[in-house]
Protein backbone atom coordinates (compact mmCIF):
# COMPACT_ATOMS: atom_id res chain seq x y z
CA MET A 1 4.15 -11.85 11.47
CA THR A 2 6.07 -8.98 11.30
CA ALA A 3 7.42 -8.17 7.86
CA HIS A 4 11.06 -6.73 8.19
CA ARG A 5 12.07 -4.09 5.32
CA MET A 6 15.82 -3.34 4.12
CA ALA A 7 17.73 -0.48 4.86
CA ALA A 8 15.90 2.08 2.79
CA ASP A 9 18.79 5.62 2.67
CA ALA A 10 16.56 8.44 3.69
CA ALA A 11 15.07 9.82 0.36
CA SER A 12 12.99 6.37 0.20
CA GLN A 13 11.15 7.54 3.37
CA LEU A 14 8.18 9.19 3.91
CA THR A 15 4.96 9.82 5.81
CA ILE A 16 1.24 8.86 4.86
CA THR A 17 -1.49 8.79 8.17
CA VAL A 18 -3.28 5.62 9.04
CA ASP A 19 -6.05 6.66 11.14
CA ALA A 20 -4.90 10.06 11.64
CA ALA A 21 -2.18 7.88 13.22
CA PRO A 22 1.27 8.90 11.63
CA LEU A 23 3.46 6.62 10.01
CA ARG A 24 6.87 5.65 7.84
CA ALA A 25 6.63 3.97 4.62
CA ARG A 26 8.64 4.06 1.88
CA ALA A 27 8.35 5.74 -1.96
CA GLY A 28 7.41 2.98 -4.16
CA GLU A 29 5.65 0.75 -1.79
CA SER A 30 1.90 0.09 -2.03
CA VAL A 31 0.04 0.83 0.76
CA ALA A 32 -0.97 -2.54 1.43
CA THR A 33 2.99 -3.23 1.76
CA ALA A 34 3.66 -0.32 4.13
CA LEU A 35 0.64 -1.64 6.51
CA MET A 36 1.91 -4.66 6.85
CA ALA A 37 5.72 -4.01 7.38
CA ALA A 38 4.26 -1.66 9.79
CA ASP A 39 2.35 -4.89 11.53
CA ARG A 40 -1.58 -3.68 10.64
CA LEU A 41 -2.71 -6.69 8.76
CA MET A 42 -6.53 -6.32 10.15
CA LEU A 43 -7.66 -3.29 7.72
CA ARG A 44 -11.34 -3.97 8.00
CA ARG A 45 -14.09 -6.69 8.28
CA SER A 46 -16.62 -7.94 7.23
CA PRO A 47 -19.77 -6.48 6.16
CA ARG A 48 -22.11 -9.36 7.59
CA ALA A 49 -19.75 -11.60 10.10
CA GLY A 50 -17.62 -8.76 10.80
CA ALA A 51 -14.84 -11.26 10.10
CA PRO A 52 -11.21 -9.18 9.97
CA ARG A 53 -10.03 -8.78 6.71
CA GLY A 54 -6.57 -7.91 5.13
CA ALA A 55 -4.29 -8.02 2.57
CA PHE A 56 -4.37 -11.76 0.31
CA CYS A 57 -4.25 -11.86 -2.91
CA LEU A 58 -2.08 -8.34 -3.33
CA MET A 59 -2.99 -8.29 -7.36
CA GLY A 60 -5.82 -6.84 -6.67
CA VAL A 61 -8.35 -9.71 -7.64
CA CYS A 62 -9.52 -9.94 -4.10
CA GLN A 63 -11.20 -6.77 -3.41
CA GLU A 64 -10.03 -7.75 1.14
CA CYS A 65 -7.44 -4.66 0.76
CA VAL A 66 -10.21 -1.81 0.75
CA VAL A 67 -9.47 1.20 2.75
CA ARG A 68 -10.25 4.68 2.29
CA ILE A 69 -7.91 6.82 0.57
CA ASP A 70 -7.91 9.99 0.65
CA GLY A 71 -11.57 9.81 1.45
CA VAL A 72 -12.10 7.35 -1.67
CA ARG A 73 -12.67 4.06 -0.74
CA ARG A 74 -9.35 2.33 -2.76
CA GLN A 75 -7.09 -0.85 -2.67
CA ALA A 76 -4.44 -1.26 -0.73
CA CYS A 77 -2.33 -2.93 -2.99
CA LEU A 78 -3.50 -1.65 -6.12
CA VAL A 79 -2.43 2.20 -4.91
CA GLU A 80 0.83 2.97 -4.25
CA VAL A 81 1.52 5.83 -1.10
CA ARG A 82 2.40 9.71 -1.48
CA ASP A 83 3.68 12.07 0.97
CA GLY A 84 0.75 12.99 3.00
CA MET A 85 -2.03 10.96 2.24
CA ALA A 86 -4.24 9.74 4.51
CA VAL A 87 -5.81 6.31 4.55
CA GLU A 88 -8.48 5.32 7.22
CA THR A 89 -8.56 1.45 7.76
CA GLY A 90 -12.15 0.54 9.28
CA ALA A 91 -10.73 -2.35 11.46
């Protein structure tokens, strides 16, 4: 499944780094939204079984989208992208 975005002006576009690779994002969207739009659905693996995990509730309740943002563990659905941010997934 791939998410599609409507056309955006150049001013709203920025670049974040995800697992050391550049990723285009839009100002105002969450890290989880930017990752899903780039078809990056698996964000980590469960600690016990190693099962893939990704954004689930998209409102900060489930903790399934926890990634490391600029070195700090955060929920990707609650953090707005900003130019130059570094995101590390456990994928």
